[in-house]
Amino acid sequence: MLPYHGDCFTVLLGEPMQKWSNDRWFAPLHCVEVPQHPAGDRLTLVYFWNPDYQTVIAAPPEQGPRKYDDVTVGDHWWGLFLKNKPSAGVEFLN
């Protein structure tokens, strides 16, 4: 669980953004729970945005040596899906 700071926003980024930033920004494991914060109620705003599946995930050169191989968004997501669901029998068609 991420630490709670009452005077700031917490933004959860996905794995593609972690790869694009060459690990400058971290994509934490997503889990949904209702924590009891000392500040009381909290407000959660959700915005999902998915780039085109053909978009290449590649850290810019100014980030230094790349930690990840270039991959398209579609291949990244299907790789995660197939890694976690090996019996799904789904093929990704380009």
PDB file of N, CA and C in Angstrom:
ATOM      1  N   MET A   1       0.837  -1.177   0.000  1.00  0.00           N
ATOM      2  CA  MET A   1       0.000   0.000   0.000  1.00  0.00           C
ATOM      3  C   MET A   1       0.886   1.244   0.000  1.00  0.00           C
ATOM      4  N   LEU A   2       0.477   2.219  -0.755  1.00  0.00           N
ATOM      5  CA  LEU A   2       1.229   3.459  -0.837  1.00  0.00           C
ATOM      6  C   LEU A   2       1.054   4.280   0.430  1.00  0.00           C
ATOM      7  N   PRO A   3       2.065   5.048   0.798  1.00  0.00           N
ATOM      8  CA  PRO A   3       1.913   5.910   1.979  1.00  0.00           C
ATOM      9  C   PRO A   3       0.860   6.980   1.721  1.00  0.00           C
ATOM     10  N   TYR A   4       0.204   7.411   2.774  1.00  0.00           N
ATOM     11  CA  TYR A   4      -0.839   8.429   2.673  1.00  0.00           C
ATOM     12  C   TYR A   4      -0.275   9.784   3.074  1.00  0.00           C
ATOM     13  N   HIS A   5      -0.471  10.775   2.214  1.00  0.00           N
ATOM     14  CA  HIS A   5      -0.066  12.145   2.503  1.00  0.00           C
ATOM     15  C   HIS A   5      -1.290  13.027   2.269  1.00  0.00           C
ATOM     16  N   GLY A   6      -1.786  13.648   3.313  1.00  0.00           N
ATOM     17  CA  GLY A   6      -3.016  14.413   3.223  1.00  0.00           C
ATOM     18  C   GLY A   6      -2.933  15.696   2.425  1.00  0.00           C
ATOM     19  N   ASP A   7      -1.735  16.166   2.124  1.00  0.00           N
ATOM     20  CA  ASP A   7      -1.606  17.446   1.426  1.00  0.00           C
ATOM     21  C   ASP A   7      -1.117  17.286  -0.016  1.00  0.00           C
ATOM     22  N   CYS A   8      -1.368  16.127  -0.610  1.00  0.00           N
ATOM     23  CA  CYS A   8      -0.910  15.932  -1.984  1.00  0.00           C
ATOM     24  C   CYS A   8      -1.824  14.951  -2.712  1.00  0.00           C
ATOM     25  N   PHE A   9      -1.581  14.813  -4.007  1.00  0.00           N
ATOM     26  CA  PHE A   9      -2.279  13.836  -4.823  1.00  0.00           C
ATOM     27  C   PHE A   9      -1.408  12.594  -4.952  1.00  0.00           C
ATOM     28  N   THR A  10      -2.031  11.455  -5.019  1.00  0.00           N
ATOM     29  CA  THR A  10      -1.343  10.219  -5.347  1.00  0.00           C
ATOM     30  C   THR A  10      -1.818   9.803  -6.732  1.00  0.00           C
ATOM     31  N   VAL A  11      -0.889   9.637  -7.646  1.00  0.00           N
ATOM     32  CA  VAL A  11      -1.211   9.264  -9.013  1.00  0.00           C
ATOM     33  C   VAL A  11      -0.634   7.877  -9.265  1.00  0.00           C
ATOM     34  N   LEU A  12      -1.495   6.943  -9.640  1.00  0.00           N
ATOM     35  CA  LEU A  12      -1.032   5.597  -9.958  1.00  0.00           C
ATOM     36  C   LEU A  12      -0.814   5.498 -11.458  1.00  0.00           C
ATOM     37  N   LEU A  13       0.379   5.144 -11.833  1.00  0.00           N
ATOM     38  CA  LEU A  13       0.740   4.983 -13.243  1.00  0.00           C
ATOM     39  C   LEU A  13       0.853   3.505 -13.566  1.00  0.00           C
ATOM     40  N   GLY A  14       0.625   3.167 -14.805  1.00  0.00           N
ATOM     41  CA  GLY A  14       0.752   1.784 -15.237  1.00  0.00           C
ATOM     42  C   GLY A  14       2.167   1.453 -15.659  1.00  0.00           C
ATOM     43  N   GLU A  15       2.387   0.175 -15.924  1.00  0.00           N
ATOM     44  CA  GLU A  15       3.709  -0.308 -16.314  1.00  0.00           C
ATOM     45  C   GLU A  15       4.265   0.362 -17.565  1.00  0.00           C
ATOM     46  N   PRO A  16       3.418   0.670 -18.585  1.00  0.00           N
ATOM     47  CA  PRO A  16       3.996   1.346 -19.753  1.00  0.00           C
ATOM     48  C   PRO A  16       4.677   2.672 -19.391  1.00  0.00           C
ATOM     49  N   MET A  17       4.090   3.432 -18.469  1.00  0.00           N
ATOM     50  CA  MET A  17       4.705   4.707 -18.081  1.00  0.00           C
ATOM     51  C   MET A  17       6.004   4.479 -17.314  1.00  0.00           C
ATOM     52  N   GLN A  18       6.075   3.404 -16.546  1.00  0.00           N
ATOM     53  CA  GLN A  18       7.320   3.075 -15.859  1.00  0.00           C
ATOM     54  C   GLN A  18       8.410   2.775 -16.883  1.00  0.00           C
ATOM     55  N   LYS A  19       8.047   2.024 -17.939  1.00  0.00           N
ATOM     56  CA  LYS A  19       9.028   1.710 -18.978  1.00  0.00           C
ATOM     57  C   LYS A  19       9.408   2.950 -19.780  1.00  0.00           C
ATOM     58  N   TRP A  20       8.402   3.792 -20.116  1.00  0.00           N
ATOM     59  CA  TRP A  20       8.687   5.025 -20.854  1.00  0.00           C
ATOM     60  C   TRP A  20       9.622   5.937 -20.070  1.00  0.00           C
ATOM     61  N   SER A  21       9.472   5.954 -18.757  1.00  0.00           N
ATOM     62  CA  SER A  21      10.303   6.843 -17.935  1.00  0.00           C
ATOM     63  C   SER A  21      11.625   6.195 -17.524  1.00  0.00           C
ATOM     64  N   ASN A  22      11.868   4.965 -18.000  1.00  0.00           N
ATOM     65  CA  ASN A  22      13.105   4.247 -17.675  1.00  0.00           C
ATOM     66  C   ASN A  22      13.260   4.094 -16.154  1.00  0.00           C
ATOM     67  N   ASP A  23      12.152   3.788 -15.482  1.00  0.00           N
ATOM     68  CA  ASP A  23      12.064   3.596 -14.027  1.00  0.00           C
ATOM     69  C   ASP A  23      12.170   4.889 -13.214  1.00  0.00           C
ATOM     70  N   ARG A  24      12.081   6.039 -13.882  1.00  0.00           N
ATOM     71  CA  ARG A  24      12.062   7.298 -13.114  1.00  0.00           C
ATOM     72  C   ARG A  24      10.785   7.364 -12.277  1.00  0.00           C
ATOM     73  N   TRP A  25       9.665   6.909 -12.870  1.00  0.00           N
ATOM     74  CA  TRP A  25       8.390   6.814 -12.160  1.00  0.00           C
ATOM     75  C   TRP A  25       8.078   5.350 -11.955  1.00  0.00           C
ATOM     76  N   PHE A  26       7.508   5.027 -10.816  1.00  0.00           N
ATOM     77  CA  PHE A  26       7.252   3.650 -10.428  1.00  0.00           C
ATOM     78  C   PHE A  26       5.771   3.315 -10.576  1.00  0.00           C
ATOM     79  N   ALA A  27       5.471   2.166 -11.124  1.00  0.00           N
ATOM     80  CA  ALA A  27       4.093   1.677 -11.253  1.00  0.00           C
ATOM     81  C   ALA A  27       3.856   0.630 -10.167  1.00  0.00           C
ATOM     82  N   PRO A  28       3.191   1.008  -9.085  1.00  0.00           N
ATOM     83  CA  PRO A  28       2.987   0.054  -8.002  1.00  0.00           C
ATOM     84  C   PRO A  28       1.955  -1.008  -8.377  1.00  0.00           C
ATOM     85  N   LEU A  29       1.989  -2.109  -7.673  1.00  0.00           N
ATOM     86  CA  LEU A  29       0.993  -3.150  -7.844  1.00  0.00           C
ATOM     87  C   LEU A  29      -0.360  -2.555  -7.487  1.00  0.00           C
ATOM     88  N   HIS A  30      -1.326  -2.746  -8.361  1.00  0.00           N
ATOM     89  CA  HIS A  30      -2.653  -2.176  -8.127  1.00  0.00           C
ATOM     90  C   HIS A  30      -3.462  -3.107  -7.253  1.00  0.00           C
ATOM     91  N   CYS A  31      -3.947  -2.581  -6.158  1.00  0.00           N
ATOM     92  CA  CYS A  31      -4.857  -3.340  -5.312  1.00  0.00           C
ATOM     93  C   CYS A  31      -5.909  -2.369  -4.783  1.00  0.00           C
ATOM     94  N   VAL A  32      -7.106  -2.850  -4.645  1.00  0.00           N
ATOM     95  CA  VAL A  32      -8.200  -2.008  -4.194  1.00  0.00           C
ATOM     96  C   VAL A  32      -8.571  -2.408  -2.782  1.00  0.00           C
ATOM     97  N   GLU A  33      -8.504  -1.461  -1.900  1.00  0.00           N
ATOM     98  CA  GLU A  33      -8.916  -1.686  -0.524  1.00  0.00           C
ATOM     99  C   GLU A  33      -9.377  -0.347   0.053  1.00  0.00           C
ATOM    100  N   VAL A  34     -10.105  -0.407   1.108  1.00  0.00           N
ATOM    101  CA  VAL A  34     -10.583   0.813   1.750  1.00  0.00           C
ATOM    102  C   VAL A  34      -9.804   0.985   3.047  1.00  0.00           C
ATOM    103  N   PRO A  35      -8.728   1.773   2.983  1.00  0.00           N
ATOM    104  CA  PRO A  35      -7.934   1.973   4.195  1.00  0.00           C
ATOM    105  C   PRO A  35      -8.610   2.964   5.137  1.00  0.00           C
ATOM    106  N   GLN A  36      -8.301   2.872   6.376  1.00  0.00           N
ATOM    107  CA  GLN A  36      -8.797   3.812   7.379  1.00  0.00           C
ATOM    108  C   GLN A  36      -7.745   4.893   7.581  1.00  0.00           C
ATOM    109  N   HIS A  37      -7.978   6.068   6.992  1.00  0.00           N
ATOM    110  CA  HIS A  37      -7.039   7.174   7.100  1.00  0.00           C
ATOM    111  C   HIS A  37      -7.438   8.077   8.249  1.00  0.00           C
ATOM    112  N   PRO A  38      -6.456   8.628   8.945  1.00  0.00           N
ATOM    113  CA  PRO A  38      -6.774   9.521  10.062  1.00  0.00           C
ATOM    114  C   PRO A  38      -7.522  10.784   9.614  1.00  0.00           C
ATOM    115  N   ALA A  39      -7.384  11.153   8.343  1.00  0.00           N
ATOM    116  CA  ALA A  39      -8.048  12.363   7.855  1.00  0.00           C
ATOM    117  C   ALA A  39      -9.526  12.119   7.555  1.00  0.00           C
ATOM    118  N   GLY A  40      -9.981  10.878   7.641  1.00  0.00           N
ATOM    119  CA  GLY A  40     -11.380  10.592   7.372  1.00  0.00           C
ATOM    120  C   GLY A  40     -11.604  10.221   5.928  1.00  0.00           C
ATOM    121  N   ASP A  41     -12.681  10.749   5.340  1.00  0.00           N
ATOM    122  CA  ASP A  41     -13.032  10.409   3.967  1.00  0.00           C
ATOM    123  C   ASP A  41     -11.964  10.862   2.983  1.00  0.00           C
ATOM    124  N   ARG A  42     -11.922  10.176   1.873  1.00  0.00           N
ATOM    125  CA  ARG A  42     -11.028  10.574   0.798  1.00  0.00           C
ATOM    126  C   ARG A  42     -11.812  10.589  -0.500  1.00  0.00           C
ATOM    127  N   LEU A  43     -11.309  11.288  -1.466  1.00  0.00           N
ATOM    128  CA  LEU A  43     -11.948  11.381  -2.764  1.00  0.00           C
ATOM    129  C   LEU A  43     -11.070  10.661  -3.777  1.00  0.00           C
ATOM    130  N   THR A  44     -11.651   9.755  -4.531  1.00  0.00           N
ATOM    131  CA  THR A  44     -10.921   9.032  -5.560  1.00  0.00           C
ATOM    132  C   THR A  44     -11.489   9.401  -6.918  1.00  0.00           C
ATOM    133  N   LEU A  45     -10.635   9.890  -7.799  1.00  0.00           N
ATOM    134  CA  LEU A  45     -11.015  10.211  -9.165  1.00  0.00           C
ATOM    135  C   LEU A  45     -10.316   9.224 -10.079  1.00  0.00           C
ATOM    136  N   VAL A  46     -11.031   8.699 -11.040  1.00  0.00           N
ATOM    137  CA  VAL A  46     -10.467   7.685 -11.929  1.00  0.00           C
ATOM    138  C   VAL A  46     -10.490   8.198 -13.356  1.00  0.00           C
ATOM    139  N   TYR A  47      -9.356   8.050 -14.016  1.00  0.00           N
ATOM    140  CA  TYR A  47      -9.272   8.389 -15.430  1.00  0.00           C
ATOM    141  C   TYR A  47      -8.408   7.333 -16.092  1.00  0.00           C
ATOM    142  N   PHE A  48      -8.978   6.604 -17.015  1.00  0.00           N
ATOM    143  CA  PHE A  48      -8.228   5.591 -17.745  1.00  0.00           C
ATOM    144  C   PHE A  48      -7.939   6.111 -19.138  1.00  0.00           C
ATOM    145  N   TRP A  49      -6.721   5.947 -19.564  1.00  0.00           N
ATOM    146  CA  TRP A  49      -6.325   6.337 -20.910  1.00  0.00           C
ATOM    147  C   TRP A  49      -5.413   5.250 -21.446  1.00  0.00           C
ATOM    148  N   ASN A  50      -5.732   4.775 -22.616  1.00  0.00           N
ATOM    149  CA  ASN A  50      -4.926   3.739 -23.247  1.00  0.00           C
ATOM    150  C   ASN A  50      -4.420   4.232 -24.590  1.00  0.00           C
ATOM    151  N   PRO A  51      -3.111   4.253 -24.773  1.00  0.00           N
ATOM    152  CA  PRO A  51      -2.583   4.634 -26.083  1.00  0.00           C
ATOM    153  C   PRO A  51      -2.904   3.574 -27.128  1.00  0.00           C
ATOM    154  N   ASP A  52      -2.776   3.947 -28.373  1.00  0.00           N
ATOM    155  CA  ASP A  52      -2.967   3.010 -29.476  1.00  0.00           C
ATOM    156  C   ASP A  52      -2.062   1.796 -29.266  1.00  0.00           C
ATOM    157  N   TYR A  53      -2.573   0.616 -29.574  1.00  0.00           N
ATOM    158  CA  TYR A  53      -1.804  -0.607 -29.353  1.00  0.00           C
ATOM    159  C   TYR A  53      -0.525  -0.679 -30.181  1.00  0.00           C
ATOM    160  N   GLN A  54      -0.409   0.107 -31.234  1.00  0.00           N
ATOM    161  CA  GLN A  54       0.805   0.104 -32.055  1.00  0.00           C
ATOM    162  C   GLN A  54       1.844   1.115 -31.563  1.00  0.00           C
ATOM    163  N   THR A  55       1.526   1.885 -30.522  1.00  0.00           N
ATOM    164  CA  THR A  55       2.467   2.853 -29.957  1.00  0.00           C
ATOM    165  C   THR A  55       3.653   2.112 -29.356  1.00  0.00           C
ATOM    166  N   VAL A  56       4.853   2.565 -29.677  1.00  0.00           N
ATOM    167  CA  VAL A  56       6.068   1.913 -29.170  1.00  0.00           C
ATOM    168  C   VAL A  56       6.447   2.511 -27.816  1.00  0.00           C
ATOM    169  N   ILE A  57       6.669   1.638 -26.855  1.00  0.00           N
ATOM    170  CA  ILE A  57       7.136   2.051 -25.534  1.00  0.00           C
ATOM    171  C   ILE A  57       8.657   2.016 -25.570  1.00  0.00           C
ATOM    172  N   ALA A  58       9.263   3.194 -25.504  1.00  0.00           N
ATOM    173  CA  ALA A  58      10.718   3.301 -25.532  1.00  0.00           C
ATOM    174  C   ALA A  58      11.129   4.544 -24.757  1.00  0.00           C
ATOM    175  N   ALA A  59      12.011   4.379 -23.803  1.00  0.00           N
ATOM    176  CA  ALA A  59      12.481   5.527 -23.025  1.00  0.00           C
ATOM    177  C   ALA A  59      13.284   6.461 -23.926  1.00  0.00           C
ATOM    178  N   PRO A  60      13.116   7.774 -23.750  1.00  0.00           N
ATOM    179  CA  PRO A  60      13.885   8.717 -24.572  1.00  0.00           C
ATOM    180  C   PRO A  60      15.374   8.629 -24.256  1.00  0.00           C
ATOM    181  N   PRO A  61      16.232   8.953 -25.225  1.00  0.00           N
ATOM    182  CA  PRO A  61      17.678   8.830 -25.030  1.00  0.00           C
ATOM    183  C   PRO A  61      18.209   9.623 -23.841  1.00  0.00           C
ATOM    184  N   GLU A  62      17.586  10.771 -23.539  1.00  0.00           N
ATOM    185  CA  GLU A  62      18.095  11.589 -22.429  1.00  0.00           C
ATOM    186  C   GLU A  62      17.876  10.941 -21.063  1.00  0.00           C
ATOM    187  N   GLN A  63      17.140   9.835 -21.019  1.00  0.00           N
ATOM    188  CA  GLN A  63      16.950   9.098 -19.764  1.00  0.00           C
ATOM    189  C   GLN A  63      18.139   8.183 -19.453  1.00  0.00           C
ATOM    190  N   GLY A  64      19.111   8.140 -20.344  1.00  0.00           N
ATOM    191  CA  GLY A  64      20.270   7.282 -20.128  1.00  0.00           C
ATOM    192  C   GLY A  64      20.070   5.926 -20.778  1.00  0.00           C
ATOM    193  N   PRO A  65      20.924   4.970 -20.434  1.00  0.00           N
ATOM    194  CA  PRO A  65      20.800   3.634 -21.028  1.00  0.00           C
ATOM    195  C   PRO A  65      19.424   3.035 -20.732  1.00  0.00           C
ATOM    196  N   ARG A  66      18.810   2.456 -21.751  1.00  0.00           N
ATOM    197  CA  ARG A  66      17.470   1.886 -21.593  1.00  0.00           C
ATOM    198  C   ARG A  66      17.503   0.618 -20.754  1.00  0.00           C
ATOM    199  N   LYS A  67      16.563   0.523 -19.828  1.00  0.00           N
ATOM    200  CA  LYS A  67      16.445  -0.651 -18.973  1.00  0.00           C
ATOM    201  C   LYS A  67      15.517  -1.701 -19.572  1.00  0.00           C
ATOM    202  N   TYR A  68      14.725  -1.299 -20.575  1.00  0.00           N
ATOM    203  CA  TYR A  68      13.740  -2.206 -21.173  1.00  0.00           C
ATOM    204  C   TYR A  68      13.888  -2.194 -22.686  1.00  0.00           C
ATOM    205  N   ASP A  69      13.604  -3.317 -23.307  1.00  0.00           N
ATOM    206  CA  ASP A  69      13.565  -3.374 -24.763  1.00  0.00           C
ATOM    207  C   ASP A  69      12.329  -2.633 -25.260  1.00  0.00           C
ATOM    208  N   ASP A  70      12.416  -2.085 -26.480  1.00  0.00           N
ATOM    209  CA  ASP A  70      11.262  -1.441 -27.088  1.00  0.00           C
ATOM    210  C   ASP A  70      10.176  -2.484 -27.322  1.00  0.00           C
ATOM    211  N   VAL A  71       8.935  -2.103 -27.061  1.00  0.00           N
ATOM    212  CA  VAL A  71       7.795  -2.994 -27.245  1.00  0.00           C
ATOM    213  C   VAL A  71       6.577  -2.133 -27.547  1.00  0.00           C
ATOM    214  N   THR A  72       5.644  -2.657 -28.315  1.00  0.00           N
ATOM    215  CA  THR A  72       4.414  -1.909 -28.549  1.00  0.00           C
ATOM    216  C   THR A  72       3.503  -2.067 -27.327  1.00  0.00           C
ATOM    217  N   VAL A  73       2.591  -1.130 -27.174  1.00  0.00           N
ATOM    218  CA  VAL A  73       1.637  -1.200 -26.068  1.00  0.00           C
ATOM    219  C   VAL A  73       0.833  -2.502 -26.146  1.00  0.00           C
ATOM    220  N   GLY A  74       0.398  -2.866 -27.350  1.00  0.00           N
ATOM    221  CA  GLY A  74      -0.371  -4.092 -27.513  1.00  0.00           C
ATOM    222  C   GLY A  74       0.406  -5.329 -27.093  1.00  0.00           C
ATOM    223  N   ASP A  75       1.658  -5.429 -27.522  1.00  0.00           N
ATOM    224  CA  ASP A  75       2.474  -6.585 -27.140  1.00  0.00           C
ATOM    225  C   ASP A  75       2.744  -6.598 -25.640  1.00  0.00           C
ATOM    226  N   HIS A  76       2.922  -5.417 -25.048  1.00  0.00           N
ATOM    227  CA  HIS A  76       3.135  -5.329 -23.601  1.00  0.00           C
ATOM    228  C   HIS A  76       1.919  -5.884 -22.844  1.00  0.00           C
ATOM    229  N   TRP A  77       0.712  -5.394 -23.188  1.00  0.00           N
ATOM    230  CA  TRP A  77      -0.496  -5.833 -22.493  1.00  0.00           C
ATOM    231  C   TRP A  77      -0.774  -7.310 -22.722  1.00  0.00           C
ATOM    232  N   TRP A  78      -0.631  -7.774 -23.963  1.00  0.00           N
ATOM    233  CA  TRP A  78      -0.877  -9.193 -24.219  1.00  0.00           C
ATOM    234  C   TRP A  78       0.166 -10.058 -23.531  1.00  0.00           C
ATOM    235  N   GLY A  79       1.392  -9.567 -23.432  1.00  0.00           N
ATOM    236  CA  GLY A  79       2.419 -10.311 -22.705  1.00  0.00           C
ATOM    237  C   GLY A  79       2.055 -10.486 -21.239  1.00  0.00           C
ATOM    238  N   LEU A  80       1.536  -9.417 -20.626  1.00  0.00           N
ATOM    239  CA  LEU A  80       1.096  -9.520 -19.230  1.00  0.00           C
ATOM    240  C   LEU A  80      -0.086 -10.467 -19.099  1.00  0.00           C
ATOM    241  N   PHE A  81      -1.032 -10.357 -20.016  1.00  0.00           N
ATOM    242  CA  PHE A  81      -2.214 -11.215 -19.986  1.00  0.00           C
ATOM    243  C   PHE A  81      -1.823 -12.683 -20.108  1.00  0.00           C
ATOM    244  N   LEU A  82      -1.002 -12.994 -21.089  1.00  0.00           N
ATOM    245  CA  LEU A  82      -0.625 -14.390 -21.314  1.00  0.00           C
ATOM    246  C   LEU A  82       0.264 -14.931 -20.204  1.00  0.00           C
ATOM    247  N   LYS A  83       1.062 -14.063 -19.595  1.00  0.00           N
ATOM    248  CA  LYS A  83       1.908 -14.492 -18.485  1.00  0.00           C
ATOM    249  C   LYS A  83       1.052 -14.891 -17.285  1.00  0.00           C
ATOM    250  N   ASN A  84      -0.044 -14.169 -17.079  1.00  0.00           N
ATOM    251  CA  ASN A  84      -0.905 -14.432 -15.933  1.00  0.00           C
ATOM    252  C   ASN A  84      -2.041 -15.404 -16.235  1.00  0.00           C
ATOM    253  N   LYS A  85      -2.330 -15.637 -17.514  1.00  0.00           N
ATOM    254  CA  LYS A  85      -3.409 -16.541 -17.915  1.00  0.00           C
ATOM    255  C   LYS A  85      -2.894 -17.513 -18.981  1.00  0.00           C
ATOM    256  N   PRO A  86      -1.957 -18.390 -18.642  1.00  0.00           N
ATOM    257  CA  PRO A  86      -1.356 -19.247 -19.685  1.00  0.00           C
ATOM    258  C   PRO A  86      -2.315 -20.211 -20.338  1.00  0.00           C
ATOM    259  N   SER A  87      -3.433 -20.488 -19.712  1.00  0.00           N
ATOM    260  CA  SER A  87      -4.379 -21.426 -20.321  1.00  0.00           C
ATOM    261  C   SER A  87      -5.471 -20.724 -21.108  1.00  0.00           C
ATOM    262  N   ALA A  88      -5.352 -19.421 -21.308  1.00  0.00           N
ATOM    263  CA  ALA A  88      -6.411 -18.664 -21.966  1.00  0.00           C
ATOM    264  C   ALA A  88      -6.571 -19.032 -23.435  1.00  0.00           C
ATOM    265  N   GLY A  89      -5.477 -19.432 -24.104  1.00  0.00           N
ATOM    266  CA  GLY A  89      -5.559 -19.823 -25.498  1.00  0.00           C
ATOM    267  C   GLY A  89      -5.871 -18.673 -26.425  1.00  0.00           C
ATOM    268  N   VAL A  90      -5.438 -17.465 -26.088  1.00  0.00           N
ATOM    269  CA  VAL A  90      -5.718 -16.283 -26.911  1.00  0.00           C
ATOM    270  C   VAL A  90      -4.508 -15.966 -27.761  1.00  0.00           C
ATOM    271  N   GLU A  91      -4.729 -15.678 -29.010  1.00  0.00           N
ATOM    272  CA  GLU A  91      -3.634 -15.260 -29.906  1.00  0.00           C
ATOM    273  C   GLU A  91      -3.799 -13.801 -30.237  1.00  0.00           C
ATOM    274  N   PHE A  92      -2.703 -13.062 -30.207  1.00  0.00           N
ATOM    275  CA  PHE A  92      -2.720 -11.659 -30.590  1.00  0.00           C
ATOM    276  C   PHE A  92      -2.462 -11.532 -32.085  1.00  0.00           C
ATOM    277  N   LEU A  93      -3.378 -10.954 -32.803  1.00  0.00           N
ATOM    278  CA  LEU A  93      -3.234 -10.786 -34.247  1.00  0.00           C
ATOM    279  C   LEU A  93      -2.803  -9.369 -34.563  1.00  0.00           C
ATOM    280  N   ASN A  94      -1.708  -9.223 -35.266  1.00  0.00           N
ATOM    281  CA  ASN A  94      -1.222  -7.868 -35.637  1.00  0.00           C
ATOM    282  C   ASN A  94      -2.005  -7.329 -36.801  1.00  0.00           C
TER     283      ASN A  94
END
